[in-house]
Every structure is written in C-alpha cells, then in structure tokens.
Amino acid sequence: MIVCSFLAVAQNLPGPGIERNNFIPGEKMVFQVYYGPLNAGRVDAFLKLDTIRGKDAYYAEMVARTTGLADKLYKIRDRYAGYFDPESLLPYRSIRDIREGTYRKFNIVEYYHDSLKAVSTESGDHEIPGNIRDMVSVFYYVRTIAFDTMKYDDIIDINTFFDDELFPFNMRFRGREKIKTRGGTFNCIKLVPFVEPGRIFHKEDDMTLWFSDDRNCVPIRGKFDLIVGSVKCDLIEWDGLKY
C-alpha cells in the first residue's frame, strides 16, 4: 500500500516508543468467531516480554481454532506468532503454523532491517523496504496510530510482508461508531482495509475493523464479507490491559 498522503494520512513510521505504547506484556485477549449466526471458533492472543538475538523483544501469539460443529466439519488450528522490537514495533521474526483440514504449512521469516532483507525458511532471501511489518506486529502497530488527528476517509499507509510477498495493508479511517458485543458496548474507531476482490472477497471494502476509542485502543470486532459467507470476530474476554 504505497499510497501518498494528500490528506492527513497516518504514515508507515516507526512505533511511538515503549513508554508510549498502549499495551504491555501480560495482555491477553479472547475473540469469539461467528460464521453467519453460528459460533464457529475462537482466537486467543497474548503478549509477553522475551529476547531474541540478544535483544529485548515483545513476543506475541495468536491461535485460531474452530469449535463445535465447525470443528467437526473443517478443523482449524492456526498459529501466528512473532518477535518484534518494543520501541519501533518492527518485526524480528514471524512464525506461521497453519493446520486447516488436511492442509499444513509452517514457515519462519527472519527480518534484518539494517540490510533491508527478510529470510524465509520456505523461499529464501527477499528484499524488503524500510519499516516493513508482519501480520502480528501490525496488529499492535495500528493501535498506536494517532486517530484523533484524522479526518473521514484519510488513508493509513502500511506495508507488510505476508506469505513471502510484500503485502500492502492500506486502510481508510471511517470515523467512529458504537459497537455492541457479548463483551459489552464500546465506542469505536472504524477502519476499512483495502482488500483484493476475486478469490475471497467480492469488493475492496469487504473487511471492516473496529478498535476501542480509548487509551488502550484494543480490537473490538472484525467483520469479513467473504464470497462464501460472512465471518465476524468479537472481543469477549481481556486481561492485563495497560489502562
């Protein structure tokens, strides 16, 4: 997503620094996944402090699994994990462990930002631009963006590396809404990422994300209007928030 800012745009810049991060080690979240009206699964996410290559790092992990009838029809056990810098929030290492039905995929990517290089166990060396994110660290980076300075339809420009390819993750800021979930009622910031129509989505705005409009800025809901149906992911449990 290499969109130039001709409006008030949040740029793909380093994070705000560890003292200003709105999350801390020990944070845990649980999300309920719905396929249409059915409870289909859950996602467990946590953040802790760790070390990698002799440096302090955040380690974050997100595990998605099907439950109930969905688990009997098509079992999913996906794990996304990563180490990233507490100051810049740039990734050091990403881990992708996919188990969906009979499909299996496991890959580790090491990031070397000084030399603008990523090394994948599956496909080798790749050139990367500065300030690249992975799909775990971006989850935390988005929470640090200064949404109060944005106007409706401003573009958030983020570059990520996913599935061994550069993957733009631009989003539009769509104002604020009140969202009601099993976990409560929340004032939220609404973001609409650009997605590619075709294999999974009908239209480029078929994904919507809501983050709490408070100092923690936690993800409250994700909604995905897929070709095969609608999937919703709601925050239902949380612990260890900074504020």
Protein backbone atom coordinates (compact mmCIF):
# COMPACT_ATOMS: atom_id res chain seq x y z
CA MET A 1 0.00 0.00 0.00
CA ILE A 2 2.14 2.71 -1.32
CA VAL A 3 -0.46 5.50 -1.29
CA CYS A 4 0.91 9.03 -0.95
CA SER A 5 -0.68 11.23 1.63
CA PHE A 6 -2.54 14.07 0.01
CA LEU A 7 -4.87 14.18 3.01
CA ALA A 8 -3.98 13.89 6.70
CA VAL A 9 -2.57 10.40 6.46
CA ALA A 10 -1.00 8.18 9.12
CA GLN A 11 2.35 7.21 7.63
CA ASN A 12 4.16 3.87 7.90
CA LEU A 13 6.59 5.22 10.51
CA PRO A 14 8.26 3.53 13.48
CA GLY A 15 6.22 2.99 16.63
CA PRO A 16 5.90 5.64 19.35
CA GLY A 17 8.45 4.10 21.73
CA ILE A 18 8.00 1.66 24.59
CA GLU A 19 6.86 4.25 27.16
CA ARG A 20 4.09 5.47 24.86
CA ASN A 21 2.88 2.07 23.69
CA ASN A 22 -0.71 1.48 24.78
CA PHE A 23 -0.11 -2.20 25.55
CA ILE A 24 2.15 -4.03 27.98
CA PRO A 25 3.48 -7.57 28.44
CA GLY A 26 0.86 -9.75 30.09
CA GLU A 27 -2.00 -8.50 27.91
CA LYS A 28 -4.40 -11.29 26.91
CA MET A 29 -7.49 -11.26 24.68
CA VAL A 30 -10.06 -13.83 23.58
CA PHE A 31 -12.22 -13.40 20.47
CA GLN A 32 -15.36 -15.32 19.51
CA VAL A 33 -15.62 -16.18 15.81
CA TYR A 34 -19.03 -16.36 14.13
CA TYR A 35 -19.86 -17.75 10.71
CA GLY A 36 -23.19 -16.13 9.97
CA PRO A 37 -25.24 -16.66 13.17
CA LEU A 38 -23.22 -19.73 14.28
CA ASN A 39 -20.44 -19.84 16.87
CA ALA A 40 -17.61 -21.22 14.76
CA GLY A 41 -14.42 -20.76 16.77
CA ARG A 42 -12.22 -18.59 18.91
CA VAL A 43 -8.92 -16.72 18.78
CA ASP A 44 -6.62 -16.43 21.79
CA ALA A 45 -3.96 -13.70 21.75
CA PHE A 46 -1.28 -12.76 24.25
CA LEU A 47 1.79 -10.54 24.55
CA LYS A 48 4.88 -11.13 26.67
CA LEU A 49 8.45 -9.85 27.03
CA ASP A 50 11.18 -12.11 25.63
CA THR A 51 14.62 -11.94 24.00
CA ILE A 52 15.87 -12.69 20.50
CA ARG A 53 19.39 -12.30 19.04
CA GLY A 54 20.48 -10.95 22.42
CA LYS A 55 17.89 -8.14 22.36
CA ASP A 56 14.77 -7.49 24.41
CA ALA A 57 11.67 -8.13 22.33
CA TYR A 58 7.93 -8.48 22.54
CA TYR A 59 6.65 -11.95 21.71
CA ALA A 60 3.02 -12.09 20.58
CA GLU A 61 1.00 -15.14 19.66
CA MET A 62 -2.48 -15.57 18.17
CA VAL A 63 -4.06 -19.01 17.96
CA ALA A 64 -7.27 -19.54 15.97
CA ARG A 65 -9.30 -22.73 16.27
CA THR A 66 -12.71 -23.94 15.24
CA THR A 67 -15.20 -25.18 17.83
CA GLY A 68 -18.47 -27.13 17.88
CA LEU A 69 -20.00 -28.17 14.57
CA ALA A 70 -17.46 -26.13 12.57
CA ASP A 71 -14.67 -28.15 14.19
CA LYS A 72 -16.29 -31.39 13.06
CA LEU A 73 -16.82 -30.15 9.52
CA TYR A 74 -13.44 -28.48 8.97
CA LYS A 75 -10.92 -28.39 11.81
CA ILE A 76 -8.68 -25.33 12.01
CA ARG A 77 -5.68 -24.88 14.30
CA ASP A 78 -3.74 -21.82 13.08
CA ARG A 79 -0.94 -20.14 15.00
CA TYR A 80 0.56 -16.78 14.09
CA ALA A 81 3.42 -15.63 16.29
CA GLY A 82 6.23 -13.12 16.18
CA TYR A 83 9.04 -11.29 17.93
CA PHE A 84 9.20 -7.53 17.42
CA ASP A 85 11.09 -4.51 18.74
CA PRO A 86 9.38 -2.80 21.74
CA GLU A 87 10.46 0.66 20.52
CA SER A 88 9.90 0.64 16.76
CA LEU A 89 7.43 -2.31 16.72
CA LEU A 90 9.31 -3.65 13.68
CA PRO A 91 9.42 -7.46 13.43
CA TYR A 92 12.48 -9.58 14.16
CA ARG A 93 10.87 -12.94 13.40
CA SER A 94 7.44 -14.15 12.29
CA ILE A 95 6.09 -17.68 12.66
CA ARG A 96 3.17 -19.07 10.69
CA ASP A 97 1.84 -22.54 11.57
CA ILE A 98 -1.28 -23.42 9.58
CA ARG A 99 -3.41 -26.54 10.12
CA GLU A 100 -6.68 -26.41 8.20
CA GLY A 101 -8.35 -29.72 7.41
CA THR A 102 -5.60 -31.79 5.78
CA TYR A 103 -3.63 -28.70 4.72
CA ARG A 104 -0.37 -27.96 6.55
CA LYS A 105 2.03 -25.03 6.26
CA PHE A 106 4.87 -23.96 8.54
CA ASN A 107 7.18 -21.05 7.84
CA ILE A 108 9.54 -18.78 9.77
CA VAL A 109 10.73 -15.41 8.44
CA GLU A 110 13.70 -13.55 9.92
CA TYR A 111 13.84 -9.77 9.39
CA TYR A 112 17.09 -7.81 9.04
CA HIS A 113 16.07 -4.17 8.77
CA ASP A 114 19.59 -2.74 8.58
CA SER A 115 20.23 -4.68 5.37
CA LEU A 116 16.59 -4.47 4.15
CA LYS A 117 16.34 -8.24 3.93
CA ALA A 118 13.89 -10.95 5.02
CA VAL A 119 14.90 -14.61 5.08
CA SER A 120 12.17 -17.24 4.77
CA THR A 121 12.70 -20.90 5.62
CA GLU A 122 10.39 -21.70 2.72
CA SER A 123 11.61 -19.41 -0.08
CA GLY A 124 14.94 -17.89 0.94
CA ASP A 125 16.05 -14.25 0.78
CA HIS A 126 13.79 -11.31 -0.09
CA GLU A 127 14.45 -7.59 -0.41
CA ILE A 128 12.15 -5.51 1.78
CA PRO A 129 11.52 -1.77 2.16
CA GLY A 130 12.16 0.10 5.38
CA ASN A 131 9.55 -0.07 8.15
CA ILE A 132 8.03 -3.34 6.93
CA ARG A 133 5.53 -5.01 9.28
CA ASP A 134 4.40 -8.59 9.63
CA MET A 135 0.83 -9.69 10.33
CA VAL A 136 1.45 -9.97 14.08
CA SER A 137 3.35 -6.75 14.77
CA VAL A 138 0.93 -4.74 12.61
CA PHE A 139 -1.87 -5.78 14.99
CA TYR A 140 -0.08 -3.77 17.70
CA TYR A 141 1.28 -1.01 15.49
CA VAL A 142 -2.21 0.04 14.33
CA ARG A 143 -3.17 0.59 17.97
CA THR A 144 -0.51 3.32 18.33
CA ILE A 145 -1.74 5.48 15.45
CA ALA A 146 -2.96 8.98 16.35
CA PHE A 147 -6.54 8.69 15.13
CA ASP A 148 -7.55 11.97 16.78
CA THR A 149 -5.73 13.87 14.03
CA MET A 150 -7.54 12.06 11.21
CA LYS A 151 -10.46 13.01 9.01
CA TYR A 152 -13.05 10.73 7.45
CA ASP A 153 -11.61 8.71 4.54
CA ASP A 154 -7.98 9.52 5.39
CA ILE A 155 -5.67 6.70 4.35
CA ILE A 156 -3.39 4.73 6.66
CA ASP A 157 -0.44 3.54 4.61
CA ILE A 158 1.19 0.32 5.87
CA ASN A 159 3.49 -2.18 4.17
CA THR A 160 3.55 -5.77 5.40
CA PHE A 161 5.32 -8.98 4.42
CA PHE A 162 2.97 -11.97 4.30
CA ASP A 163 3.19 -15.39 2.67
CA ASP A 164 6.71 -14.45 1.47
CA GLU A 165 5.44 -11.47 -0.51
CA LEU A 166 5.12 -7.73 0.01
CA PHE A 167 1.51 -7.25 1.02
CA PRO A 168 0.06 -3.72 1.17
CA PHE A 169 -2.35 -3.21 4.05
CA ASN A 170 -3.78 0.26 3.42
CA MET A 171 -6.85 1.24 5.38
CA ARG A 172 -9.37 4.03 5.31
CA PHE A 173 -10.38 5.82 8.51
CA ARG A 174 -14.20 5.75 8.58
CA GLY A 175 -14.91 7.74 11.72
CA ARG A 176 -16.40 6.42 14.93
CA GLU A 177 -19.26 4.07 15.81
CA LYS A 178 -20.74 2.44 18.90
CA ILE A 179 -20.46 -1.38 18.80
CA LYS A 180 -22.32 -3.87 21.00
CA THR A 181 -20.80 -7.30 21.58
CA ARG A 182 -21.07 -10.08 24.13
CA GLY A 183 -18.26 -8.31 25.97
CA GLY A 184 -20.18 -5.02 26.29
CA THR A 185 -20.88 -1.79 24.40
CA PHE A 186 -17.90 0.17 23.12
CA ASN A 187 -17.21 3.49 21.43
CA CYS A 188 -15.02 2.50 18.49
CA ILE A 189 -12.77 3.74 15.73
CA LYS A 190 -13.80 2.25 12.38
CA LEU A 191 -11.20 1.19 9.80
CA VAL A 192 -11.81 -0.31 6.35
CA PRO A 193 -8.75 -2.04 4.83
CA PHE A 194 -8.42 -2.29 1.06
CA VAL A 195 -8.76 -5.94 0.02
CA GLU A 196 -8.37 -7.53 -3.39
CA PRO A 197 -11.70 -8.61 -4.94
CA GLY A 198 -11.80 -12.00 -6.56
CA ARG A 199 -10.89 -15.26 -4.84
CA ILE A 200 -12.05 -14.39 -1.30
CA PHE A 201 -13.84 -11.02 -1.33
CA HIS A 202 -16.48 -9.51 -3.61
CA LYS A 203 -15.43 -5.86 -3.15
CA GLU A 204 -12.37 -3.95 -1.97
CA ASP A 205 -14.19 -2.75 1.18
CA ASP A 206 -15.45 -6.18 2.36
CA MET A 207 -13.33 -6.08 5.53
CA THR A 208 -14.08 -3.76 8.46
CA LEU A 209 -12.20 -3.41 11.75
CA TRP A 210 -13.31 -1.65 14.93
CA PHE A 211 -10.89 -0.61 17.71
CA SER A 212 -11.91 0.82 21.07
CA ASP A 213 -11.83 4.62 21.07
CA ASP A 214 -9.90 4.86 24.33
CA ARG A 215 -6.30 4.79 25.54
CA ASN A 216 -5.97 1.01 25.09
CA CYS A 217 -7.29 1.00 21.50
CA VAL A 218 -7.98 -2.74 21.60
CA PRO A 219 -9.58 -4.56 18.64
CA ILE A 220 -13.29 -4.98 19.37
CA ARG A 221 -14.63 -6.51 16.16
CA GLY A 222 -13.52 -7.66 12.74
CA LYS A 223 -16.09 -8.30 10.01
CA PHE A 224 -15.25 -10.12 6.78
CA ASP A 225 -17.82 -10.34 3.99
CA LEU A 226 -16.48 -13.29 2.05
CA ILE A 227 -17.72 -14.86 -1.15
CA VAL A 228 -18.65 -17.96 0.89
CA GLY A 229 -20.43 -16.01 3.65
CA SER A 230 -19.94 -13.51 6.45
CA VAL A 231 -17.43 -14.03 9.28
CA LYS A 232 -17.34 -11.90 12.42
CA CYS A 233 -14.75 -11.89 15.20
CA ASP A 234 -15.68 -10.21 18.52
CA LEU A 235 -13.60 -9.50 21.61
CA ILE A 236 -15.26 -11.29 24.55
CA GLU A 237 -12.55 -11.53 27.23
CA TRP A 238 -9.50 -9.46 28.12
CA ASP A 239 -6.94 -9.13 30.88
CA GLY A 240 -3.74 -7.23 31.59
CA LEU A 241 -4.60 -4.07 29.66
CA LYS A 242 -2.34 -1.08 30.28
CA TYR A 243 -5.16 1.33 31.17
